[in-house]
Full PDB file with SEQRES, HELIX, SHEET, SSBOND, CRYST1, ORIGX, SCALE, CONECT and MASTER records, all heavy atoms in Angstrom:
SEQRES   1 A   32  VAL ASP THR PRO LEU ASP LEU ILE ASN TRP THR ILE ASP          
SEQRES   2 A   32  HIS THR LYS ARG GLU ASP VAL ARG ILE VAL ARG THR PRO          
SEQRES   3 A   32  VAL LEU ASP GLU LEU GLN                                      
HELIX    1 AA1 HIS A   14  LYS A   16  5                                   3    
CRYST1    1.000    1.000    1.000  90.00  90.00  90.00 P 1           1          
ORIGX1      1.000000  0.000000  0.000000        0.00000                         
ORIGX2      0.000000  1.000000  0.000000        0.00000                         
ORIGX3      0.000000  0.000000  1.000000        0.00000                         
SCALE1      1.000000  0.000000  0.000000        0.00000                         
SCALE2      0.000000  1.000000  0.000000        0.00000                         
SCALE3      0.000000  0.000000  1.000000        0.00000                         
ATOM      1  N   VAL A   1      -9.927 -15.268  -0.819  1.00  0.00           N  
ATOM      2  CA  VAL A   1      -9.944 -15.542  -2.258  1.00  0.00           C  
ATOM      3  C   VAL A   1      -8.893 -14.716  -2.983  1.00  0.00           C  
ATOM      4  O   VAL A   1      -8.159 -15.214  -3.843  1.00  0.00           O  
ATOM      5  CB  VAL A   1     -11.348 -15.266  -2.843  1.00  0.00           C  
ATOM      6  CG1 VAL A   1     -11.324 -15.284  -4.366  1.00  0.00           C  
ATOM      7  CG2 VAL A   1     -12.346 -16.300  -2.329  1.00  0.00           C  
ATOM      8  N   ASP A   2      -8.786 -13.450  -2.631  1.00  0.00           N  
ATOM      9  CA  ASP A   2      -7.942 -12.517  -3.389  1.00  0.00           C  
ATOM     10  C   ASP A   2      -6.457 -12.642  -3.065  1.00  0.00           C  
ATOM     11  O   ASP A   2      -5.617 -12.188  -3.845  1.00  0.00           O  
ATOM     12  CB  ASP A   2      -8.404 -11.080  -3.121  1.00  0.00           C  
ATOM     13  CG  ASP A   2      -7.784 -10.080  -4.081  1.00  0.00           C  
ATOM     14  OD1 ASP A   2      -7.874 -10.301  -5.305  1.00  0.00           O  
ATOM     15  OD2 ASP A   2      -7.187  -9.090  -3.619  1.00  0.00           O  
ATOM     16  N   THR A   3      -6.102 -13.236  -1.941  1.00  0.00           N  
ATOM     17  CA  THR A   3      -4.694 -13.363  -1.564  1.00  0.00           C  
ATOM     18  C   THR A   3      -3.915 -14.102  -2.641  1.00  0.00           C  
ATOM     19  O   THR A   3      -4.301 -15.194  -3.050  1.00  0.00           O  
ATOM     20  CB  THR A   3      -4.559 -14.112  -0.226  1.00  0.00           C  
ATOM     21  OG1 THR A   3      -5.210 -13.362   0.790  1.00  0.00           O  
ATOM     22  CG2 THR A   3      -3.094 -14.305   0.147  1.00  0.00           C  
ATOM     23  N   PRO A   4      -2.799 -13.552  -3.116  1.00  0.00           N  
ATOM     24  CA  PRO A   4      -2.000 -14.250  -4.132  1.00  0.00           C  
ATOM     25  C   PRO A   4      -1.263 -15.443  -3.553  1.00  0.00           C  
ATOM     26  O   PRO A   4      -1.030 -15.527  -2.338  1.00  0.00           O  
ATOM     27  CB  PRO A   4      -1.033 -13.168  -4.625  1.00  0.00           C  
ATOM     28  CG  PRO A   4      -0.957 -12.178  -3.518  1.00  0.00           C  
ATOM     29  CD  PRO A   4      -2.267 -12.214  -2.806  1.00  0.00           C  
ATOM     30  N   LEU A   5      -0.879 -16.363  -4.412  1.00  0.00           N  
ATOM     31  CA  LEU A   5      -0.104 -17.531  -3.988  1.00  0.00           C  
ATOM     32  C   LEU A   5       1.345 -17.177  -3.718  1.00  0.00           C  
ATOM     33  O   LEU A   5       2.033 -17.872  -2.968  1.00  0.00           O  
ATOM     34  CB  LEU A   5      -0.178 -18.624  -5.056  1.00  0.00           C  
ATOM     35  CG  LEU A   5      -1.579 -19.126  -5.413  1.00  0.00           C  
ATOM     36  CD1 LEU A   5      -1.497 -20.179  -6.519  1.00  0.00           C  
ATOM     37  CD2 LEU A   5      -2.293 -19.691  -4.199  1.00  0.00           C  
ATOM     38  N   ASP A   6       1.818 -16.134  -4.337  1.00  0.00           N  
ATOM     39  CA  ASP A   6       3.204 -15.691  -4.198  1.00  0.00           C  
ATOM     40  C   ASP A   6       3.415 -15.091  -2.812  1.00  0.00           C  
ATOM     41  O   ASP A   6       2.768 -14.112  -2.436  1.00  0.00           O  
ATOM     42  CB  ASP A   6       3.496 -14.652  -5.286  1.00  0.00           C  
ATOM     43  CG  ASP A   6       4.950 -14.220  -5.340  1.00  0.00           C  
ATOM     44  OD1 ASP A   6       5.735 -14.607  -4.448  1.00  0.00           O  
ATOM     45  OD2 ASP A   6       5.305 -13.480  -6.284  1.00  0.00           O  
ATOM     46  N   LEU A   7       4.356 -15.654  -2.041  1.00  0.00           N  
ATOM     47  CA  LEU A   7       4.619 -15.198  -0.676  1.00  0.00           C  
ATOM     48  C   LEU A   7       5.907 -14.394  -0.558  1.00  0.00           C  
ATOM     49  O   LEU A   7       6.299 -14.017   0.553  1.00  0.00           O  
ATOM     50  CB  LEU A   7       4.681 -16.399   0.269  1.00  0.00           C  
ATOM     51  CG  LEU A   7       3.381 -17.200   0.405  1.00  0.00           C  
ATOM     52  CD1 LEU A   7       3.629 -18.495   1.160  1.00  0.00           C  
ATOM     53  CD2 LEU A   7       2.304 -16.379   1.085  1.00  0.00           C  
ATOM     54  N   ILE A   8       6.584 -14.149  -1.684  1.00  0.00           N  
ATOM     55  CA  ILE A   8       7.772 -13.297  -1.648  1.00  0.00           C  
ATOM     56  C   ILE A   8       7.347 -11.892  -1.231  1.00  0.00           C  
ATOM     57  O   ILE A   8       6.337 -11.364  -1.705  1.00  0.00           O  
ATOM     58  CB  ILE A   8       8.476 -13.269  -3.014  1.00  0.00           C  
ATOM     59  CG1 ILE A   8       8.999 -14.672  -3.359  1.00  0.00           C  
ATOM     60  CG2 ILE A   8       9.622 -12.260  -3.027  1.00  0.00           C  
ATOM     61  CD1 ILE A   8       9.542 -14.796  -4.765  1.00  0.00           C  
ATOM     62  N   ASN A   9       8.123 -11.296  -0.363  1.00  0.00           N  
ATOM     63  CA  ASN A   9       7.746 -10.006   0.215  1.00  0.00           C  
ATOM     64  C   ASN A   9       8.123  -8.857  -0.725  1.00  0.00           C  
ATOM     65  O   ASN A   9       8.915  -7.977  -0.392  1.00  0.00           O  
ATOM     66  CB  ASN A   9       8.441  -9.834   1.572  1.00  0.00           C  
ATOM     67  CG  ASN A   9       7.832  -8.732   2.404  1.00  0.00           C  
ATOM     68  OD1 ASN A   9       6.611  -8.567   2.428  1.00  0.00           O  
ATOM     69  ND2 ASN A   9       8.671  -7.972   3.083  1.00  0.00           N  
ATOM     70  N   TRP A  10       7.521  -8.873  -1.915  1.00  0.00           N  
ATOM     71  CA  TRP A  10       7.826  -7.852  -2.915  1.00  0.00           C  
ATOM     72  C   TRP A  10       7.534  -6.451  -2.382  1.00  0.00           C  
ATOM     73  O   TRP A  10       6.593  -6.248  -1.625  1.00  0.00           O  
ATOM     74  CB  TRP A  10       7.000  -8.082  -4.179  1.00  0.00           C  
ATOM     75  CG  TRP A  10       7.265  -9.357  -4.894  1.00  0.00           C  
ATOM     76  CD1 TRP A  10       6.443 -10.450  -4.971  1.00  0.00           C  
ATOM     77  CD2 TRP A  10       8.447  -9.693  -5.635  1.00  0.00           C  
ATOM     78  NE1 TRP A  10       7.033 -11.434  -5.717  1.00  0.00           N  
ATOM     79  CE2 TRP A  10       8.254 -11.006  -6.141  1.00  0.00           C  
ATOM     80  CE3 TRP A  10       9.634  -9.022  -5.931  1.00  0.00           C  
ATOM     81  CZ2 TRP A  10       9.209 -11.653  -6.923  1.00  0.00           C  
ATOM     82  CZ3 TRP A  10      10.584  -9.666  -6.707  1.00  0.00           C  
ATOM     83  CH2 TRP A  10      10.375 -10.958  -7.196  1.00  0.00           C  
ATOM     84  N   THR A  11       8.321  -5.496  -2.816  1.00  0.00           N  
ATOM     85  CA  THR A  11       8.058  -4.104  -2.463  1.00  0.00           C  
ATOM     86  C   THR A  11       6.803  -3.631  -3.188  1.00  0.00           C  
ATOM     87  O   THR A  11       6.699  -3.751  -4.416  1.00  0.00           O  
ATOM     88  CB  THR A  11       9.244  -3.207  -2.854  1.00  0.00           C  
ATOM     89  OG1 THR A  11      10.415  -3.670  -2.187  1.00  0.00           O  
ATOM     90  CG2 THR A  11       8.972  -1.760  -2.466  1.00  0.00           C  
ATOM     91  N   ILE A  12       5.871  -3.122  -2.442  1.00  0.00           N  
ATOM     92  CA  ILE A  12       4.638  -2.554  -3.002  1.00  0.00           C  
ATOM     93  C   ILE A  12       4.665  -1.060  -2.710  1.00  0.00           C  
ATOM     94  O   ILE A  12       4.662  -0.653  -1.546  1.00  0.00           O  
ATOM     95  CB  ILE A  12       3.383  -3.189  -2.388  1.00  0.00           C  
ATOM     96  CG1 ILE A  12       3.439  -4.713  -2.476  1.00  0.00           C  
ATOM     97  CG2 ILE A  12       2.140  -2.637  -3.063  1.00  0.00           C  
ATOM     98  CD1 ILE A  12       3.351  -5.281  -3.865  1.00  0.00           C  
ATOM     99  N   ASP A  13       4.693  -0.265  -3.760  1.00  0.00           N  
ATOM    100  CA  ASP A  13       4.804   1.189  -3.612  1.00  0.00           C  
ATOM    101  C   ASP A  13       3.578   1.863  -4.212  1.00  0.00           C  
ATOM    102  O   ASP A  13       3.506   2.103  -5.419  1.00  0.00           O  
ATOM    103  CB  ASP A  13       6.079   1.688  -4.291  1.00  0.00           C  
ATOM    104  CG  ASP A  13       6.315   3.173  -4.080  1.00  0.00           C  
ATOM    105  OD1 ASP A  13       5.451   3.824  -3.454  1.00  0.00           O  
ATOM    106  OD2 ASP A  13       7.348   3.692  -4.548  1.00  0.00           O  
ATOM    107  N   HIS A  14       2.614   2.164  -3.361  1.00  0.00           N  
ATOM    108  CA  HIS A  14       1.374   2.796  -3.822  1.00  0.00           C  
ATOM    109  C   HIS A  14       1.549   4.282  -4.109  1.00  0.00           C  
ATOM    110  O   HIS A  14       0.634   4.896  -4.673  1.00  0.00           O  
ATOM    111  CB  HIS A  14       0.271   2.602  -2.781  1.00  0.00           C  
ATOM    112  CG  HIS A  14      -0.149   1.178  -2.601  1.00  0.00           C  
ATOM    113  ND1 HIS A  14      -0.926   0.508  -3.512  1.00  0.00           N  
ATOM    114  CD2 HIS A  14       0.119   0.277  -1.613  1.00  0.00           C  
ATOM    115  CE1 HIS A  14      -1.135  -0.730  -3.094  1.00  0.00           C  
ATOM    116  NE2 HIS A  14      -0.508  -0.901  -1.946  1.00  0.00           N  
ATOM    117  N   THR A  15       2.693   4.845  -3.739  1.00  0.00           N  
ATOM    118  CA  THR A  15       2.894   6.267  -4.027  1.00  0.00           C  
ATOM    119  C   THR A  15       3.023   6.512  -5.522  1.00  0.00           C  
ATOM    120  O   THR A  15       2.896   7.655  -5.975  1.00  0.00           O  
ATOM    121  CB  THR A  15       4.145   6.813  -3.308  1.00  0.00           C  
ATOM    122  OG1 THR A  15       5.321   6.166  -3.820  1.00  0.00           O  
ATOM    123  CG2 THR A  15       4.051   6.592  -1.810  1.00  0.00           C  
ATOM    124  N   LYS A  16       3.268   5.452  -6.307  1.00  0.00           N  
ATOM    125  CA  LYS A  16       3.343   5.596  -7.765  1.00  0.00           C  
ATOM    126  C   LYS A  16       1.969   5.800  -8.393  1.00  0.00           C  
ATOM    127  O   LYS A  16       1.869   6.267  -9.516  1.00  0.00           O  
ATOM    128  CB  LYS A  16       3.972   4.341  -8.382  1.00  0.00           C  
ATOM    129  CG  LYS A  16       5.386   4.029  -7.957  1.00  0.00           C  
ATOM    130  CD  LYS A  16       5.840   2.720  -8.607  1.00  0.00           C  
ATOM    131  CE  LYS A  16       7.259   2.355  -8.235  1.00  0.00           C  
ATOM    132  NZ  LYS A  16       7.662   1.061  -8.863  1.00  0.00           N  
ATOM    133  N   ARG A  17       0.946   5.400  -7.656  1.00  0.00           N  
ATOM    134  CA  ARG A  17      -0.402   5.388  -8.221  1.00  0.00           C  
ATOM    135  C   ARG A  17      -1.050   6.772  -8.160  1.00  0.00           C  
ATOM    136  O   ARG A  17      -0.889   7.497  -7.184  1.00  0.00           O  
ATOM    137  CB  ARG A  17      -1.270   4.389  -7.461  1.00  0.00           C  
ATOM    138  CG  ARG A  17      -0.815   2.960  -7.557  1.00  0.00           C  
ATOM    139  CD  ARG A  17      -1.571   2.064  -6.597  1.00  0.00           C  
ATOM    140  NE  ARG A  17      -3.016   2.136  -6.783  1.00  0.00           N  
ATOM    141  CZ  ARG A  17      -3.907   1.611  -5.942  1.00  0.00           C  
ATOM    142  NH1 ARG A  17      -3.486   1.007  -4.834  1.00  0.00           N  
ATOM    143  NH2 ARG A  17      -5.199   1.716  -6.185  1.00  0.00           N  
ATOM    144  N   GLU A  18      -1.805   7.082  -9.198  1.00  0.00           N  
ATOM    145  CA  GLU A  18      -2.548   8.336  -9.239  1.00  0.00           C  
ATOM    146  C   GLU A  18      -4.029   8.146  -8.923  1.00  0.00           C  
ATOM    147  O   GLU A  18      -4.761   9.136  -8.824  1.00  0.00           O  
ATOM    148  CB  GLU A  18      -2.402   8.986 -10.616  1.00  0.00           C  
ATOM    149  CG  GLU A  18      -0.967   9.364 -10.970  1.00  0.00           C  
ATOM    150  CD  GLU A  18      -0.854   9.966 -12.347  1.00  0.00           C  
ATOM    151  OE1 GLU A  18      -1.667  10.850 -12.687  1.00  0.00           O  
ATOM    152  OE2 GLU A  18       0.033   9.545 -13.110  1.00  0.00           O  
ATOM    153  N   ASP A  19      -4.461   6.882  -8.750  1.00  0.00           N  
ATOM    154  CA  ASP A  19      -5.874   6.624  -8.463  1.00  0.00           C  
ATOM    155  C   ASP A  19      -6.177   6.599  -6.979  1.00  0.00           C  
ATOM    156  O   ASP A  19      -7.334   6.387  -6.588  1.00  0.00           O  
ATOM    157  CB  ASP A  19      -6.319   5.310  -9.113  1.00  0.00           C  
ATOM    158  CG  ASP A  19      -5.507   4.122  -8.619  1.00  0.00           C  
ATOM    159  OD1 ASP A  19      -4.288   4.266  -8.452  1.00  0.00           O  
ATOM    160  OD2 ASP A  19      -6.089   3.035  -8.416  1.00  0.00           O  
ATOM    161  N   VAL A  20      -5.163   6.780  -6.138  1.00  0.00           N  
ATOM    162  CA  VAL A  20      -5.369   6.887  -4.698  1.00  0.00           C  
ATOM    163  C   VAL A  20      -4.625   8.113  -4.189  1.00  0.00           C  
ATOM    164  O   VAL A  20      -3.705   8.613  -4.836  1.00  0.00           O  
ATOM    165  CB  VAL A  20      -4.871   5.630  -3.945  1.00  0.00           C  
ATOM    166  CG1 VAL A  20      -5.721   4.422  -4.308  1.00  0.00           C  
ATOM    167  CG2 VAL A  20      -3.407   5.356  -4.242  1.00  0.00           C  
ATOM    168  N   ARG A  21      -5.041   8.577  -3.024  1.00  0.00           N  
ATOM    169  CA  ARG A  21      -4.360   9.697  -2.390  1.00  0.00           C  
ATOM    170  C   ARG A  21      -3.462   9.197  -1.269  1.00  0.00           C  
ATOM    171  O   ARG A  21      -3.763   8.195  -0.628  1.00  0.00           O  
ATOM    172  CB  ARG A  21      -5.383  10.693  -1.817  1.00  0.00           C  
ATOM    173  CG  ARG A  21      -6.225  11.407  -2.856  1.00  0.00           C  
ATOM    174  CD  ARG A  21      -7.232  12.352  -2.201  1.00  0.00           C  
ATOM    175  NE  ARG A  21      -8.241  11.626  -1.434  1.00  0.00           N  
ATOM    176  CZ  ARG A  21      -8.302  11.591  -0.113  1.00  0.00           C  
ATOM    177  NH1 ARG A  21      -7.405  12.264   0.626  1.00  0.00           N  
ATOM    178  NH2 ARG A  21      -9.255  10.911   0.510  1.00  0.00           N  
ATOM    179  N   ILE A  22      -2.373   9.888  -1.037  1.00  0.00           N  
ATOM    180  CA  ILE A  22      -1.521   9.598   0.107  1.00  0.00           C  
ATOM    181  C   ILE A  22      -2.061  10.387   1.296  1.00  0.00           C  
ATOM    182  O   ILE A  22      -2.247  11.597   1.219  1.00  0.00           O  
ATOM    183  CB  ILE A  22      -0.057   9.972  -0.177  1.00  0.00           C  
ATOM    184  CG1 ILE A  22       0.440   9.200  -1.400  1.00  0.00           C  
ATOM    185  CG2 ILE A  22       0.815   9.680   1.031  1.00  0.00           C  
ATOM    186  CD1 ILE A  22       0.349   7.686  -1.273  1.00  0.00           C  
ATOM    187  N   VAL A  23      -2.337   9.657   2.393  1.00  0.00           N  
ATOM    188  CA  VAL A  23      -2.995  10.269   3.543  1.00  0.00           C  
ATOM    189  C   VAL A  23      -2.240   9.918   4.822  1.00  0.00           C  
ATOM    190  O   VAL A  23      -1.293   9.126   4.810  1.00  0.00           O  
ATOM    191  CB  VAL A  23      -4.465   9.804   3.646  1.00  0.00           C  
ATOM    192  CG1 VAL A  23      -5.259  10.250   2.433  1.00  0.00           C  
ATOM    193  CG2 VAL A  23      -4.538   8.277   3.804  1.00  0.00           C  
ATOM    194  N   ARG A  24      -2.684  10.484   5.922  1.00  0.00           N  
ATOM    195  CA  ARG A  24      -2.096  10.240   7.245  1.00  0.00           C  
ATOM    196  C   ARG A  24      -3.122   9.601   8.174  1.00  0.00           C  
ATOM    197  O   ARG A  24      -3.207   9.949   9.341  1.00  0.00           O  
ATOM    198  CB  ARG A  24      -1.603  11.557   7.840  1.00  0.00           C  
ATOM    199  CG  ARG A  24      -0.445  12.173   7.085  1.00  0.00           C  
ATOM    200  CD  ARG A  24       0.858  11.471   7.382  1.00  0.00           C  
ATOM    201  NE  ARG A  24       2.008  12.139   6.783  1.00  0.00           N  
ATOM    202  CZ  ARG A  24       3.267  11.781   6.989  1.00  0.00           C  
ATOM    203  NH1 ARG A  24       3.534  10.761   7.789  1.00  0.00           N  
ATOM    204  NH2 ARG A  24       4.255  12.414   6.417  1.00  0.00           N  
ATOM    205  N   THR A  25      -3.865   8.663   7.655  1.00  0.00           N  
ATOM    206  CA  THR A  25      -4.859   7.971   8.457  1.00  0.00           C  
ATOM    207  C   THR A  25      -4.917   6.522   8.014  1.00  0.00           C  
ATOM    208  O   THR A  25      -4.727   6.242   6.825  1.00  0.00           O  
ATOM    209  CB  THR A  25      -6.246   8.644   8.324  1.00  0.00           C  
ATOM    210  OG1 THR A  25      -7.195   8.002   9.162  1.00  0.00           O  
ATOM    211  CG2 THR A  25      -6.758   8.601   6.899  1.00  0.00           C  
ATOM    212  N   PRO A  26      -5.119   5.576   8.938  1.00  0.00           N  
ATOM    213  CA  PRO A  26      -5.499   5.741  10.348  1.00  0.00           C  
ATOM    214  C   PRO A  26      -4.343   6.058  11.299  1.00  0.00           C  
ATOM    215  O   PRO A  26      -4.596   6.400  12.456  1.00  0.00           O  
ATOM    216  CB  PRO A  26      -6.102   4.369  10.690  1.00  0.00           C  
ATOM    217  CG  PRO A  26      -5.408   3.415   9.793  1.00  0.00           C  
ATOM    218  CD  PRO A  26      -5.186   4.156   8.509  1.00  0.00           C  
ATOM    219  N   VAL A  27      -3.100   5.908  10.840  1.00  0.00           N  
ATOM    220  CA  VAL A  27      -1.957   6.171  11.714  1.00  0.00           C  
ATOM    221  C   VAL A  27      -1.350   7.510  11.315  1.00  0.00           C  
ATOM    222  O   VAL A  27      -0.908   7.693  10.166  1.00  0.00           O  
ATOM    223  CB  VAL A  27      -0.903   5.050  11.615  1.00  0.00           C  
ATOM    224  CG1 VAL A  27       0.259   5.337  12.559  1.00  0.00           C  
ATOM    225  CG2 VAL A  27      -1.531   3.696  11.948  1.00  0.00           C  
ATOM    226  N   LEU A  28      -1.304   8.443  12.253  1.00  0.00           N  
ATOM    227  CA  LEU A  28      -0.970   9.822  11.938  1.00  0.00           C  
ATOM    228  C   LEU A  28       0.449   9.990  11.415  1.00  0.00           C  
ATOM    229  O   LEU A  28       0.709  10.829  10.546  1.00  0.00           O  
ATOM    230  CB  LEU A  28      -1.188  10.699  13.173  1.00  0.00           C  
ATOM    231  CG  LEU A  28      -1.155  12.213  12.973  1.00  0.00           C  
ATOM    232  CD1 LEU A  28      -2.198  12.651  11.956  1.00  0.00           C  
ATOM    233  CD2 LEU A  28      -1.393  12.912  14.305  1.00  0.00           C  
ATOM    234  N   ASP A  29       1.405   9.199  11.923  1.00  0.00           N  
ATOM    235  CA  ASP A  29       2.799   9.429  11.544  1.00  0.00           C  
ATOM    236  C   ASP A  29       3.306   8.445  10.489  1.00  0.00           C  
ATOM    237  O   ASP A  29       4.499   8.206  10.369  1.00  0.00           O  
ATOM    238  CB  ASP A  29       3.710   9.387  12.780  1.00  0.00           C  
ATOM    239  CG  ASP A  29       3.789   8.006  13.411  1.00  0.00           C  
ATOM    240  OD1 ASP A  29       2.963   7.144  13.048  1.00  0.00           O  
ATOM    241  OD2 ASP A  29       4.672   7.797  14.260  1.00  0.00           O  
ATOM    242  N   GLU A  30       2.383   7.873   9.692  1.00  0.00           N  
ATOM    243  CA  GLU A  30       2.774   6.988   8.605  1.00  0.00           C  
ATOM    244  C   GLU A  30       2.123   7.443   7.303  1.00  0.00           C  
ATOM    245  O   GLU A  30       1.020   8.004   7.309  1.00  0.00           O  
ATOM    246  CB  GLU A  30       2.349   5.544   8.891  1.00  0.00           C  
ATOM    247  CG  GLU A  30       3.050   4.901  10.072  1.00  0.00           C  
ATOM    248  CD  GLU A  30       2.597   3.466  10.288  1.00  0.00           C  
ATOM    249  OE1 GLU A  30       2.025   2.864   9.345  1.00  0.00           O  
ATOM    250  OE2 GLU A  30       2.812   2.943  11.400  1.00  0.00           O  
ATOM    251  N   LEU A  31       2.807   7.166   6.182  1.00  0.00           N  
ATOM    252  CA  LEU A  31       2.210   7.398   4.871  1.00  0.00           C  
ATOM    253  C   LEU A  31       1.301   6.225   4.535  1.00  0.00           C  
ATOM    254  O   LEU A  31       1.722   5.071   4.557  1.00  0.00           O  
ATOM    255  CB  LEU A  31       3.289   7.539   3.798  1.00  0.00           C  
ATOM    256  CG  LEU A  31       4.161   8.794   3.847  1.00  0.00           C  
ATOM    257  CD1 LEU A  31       5.189   8.754   2.722  1.00  0.00           C  
ATOM    258  CD2 LEU A  31       3.313  10.058   3.740  1.00  0.00           C  
ATOM    259  N   GLN A  32       0.041   6.528   4.217  1.00  0.00           N  
ATOM    260  CA  GLN A  32      -0.928   5.497   3.883  1.00  0.00           C  
ATOM    261  C   GLN A  32      -1.714   5.922   2.650  1.00  0.00           C  
ATOM    262  O   GLN A  32      -1.583   7.050   2.173  1.00  0.00           O  
ATOM    263  CB  GLN A  32      -1.861   5.255   5.069  1.00  0.00           C  
ATOM    264  CG  GLN A  32      -1.156   4.649   6.272  1.00  0.00           C  
ATOM    265  CD  GLN A  32      -1.551   5.317   7.578  1.00  0.00           C  
ATOM    266  OE1 GLN A  32      -2.281   4.752   8.365  1.00  0.00           O  
ATOM    267  NE2 GLN A  32      -1.086   6.525   7.815  1.00  0.00           N  
TER     268      GLN A  32                                                      
MASTER        0    0    0    1    0    0    0    6  267    1    0    3          
END                                                                             
C-alpha cells in the first residue's frame, strides 16, 4: 500500500533527519 508510484531512483538521505539515529546495524560496516 505504502509504496509510491514514482519509480525514479531519487536520492534518499536520512542523515538529514533528526528523528532517527544513525547506527551500524544490521550491517556493521554500513551507515543505517
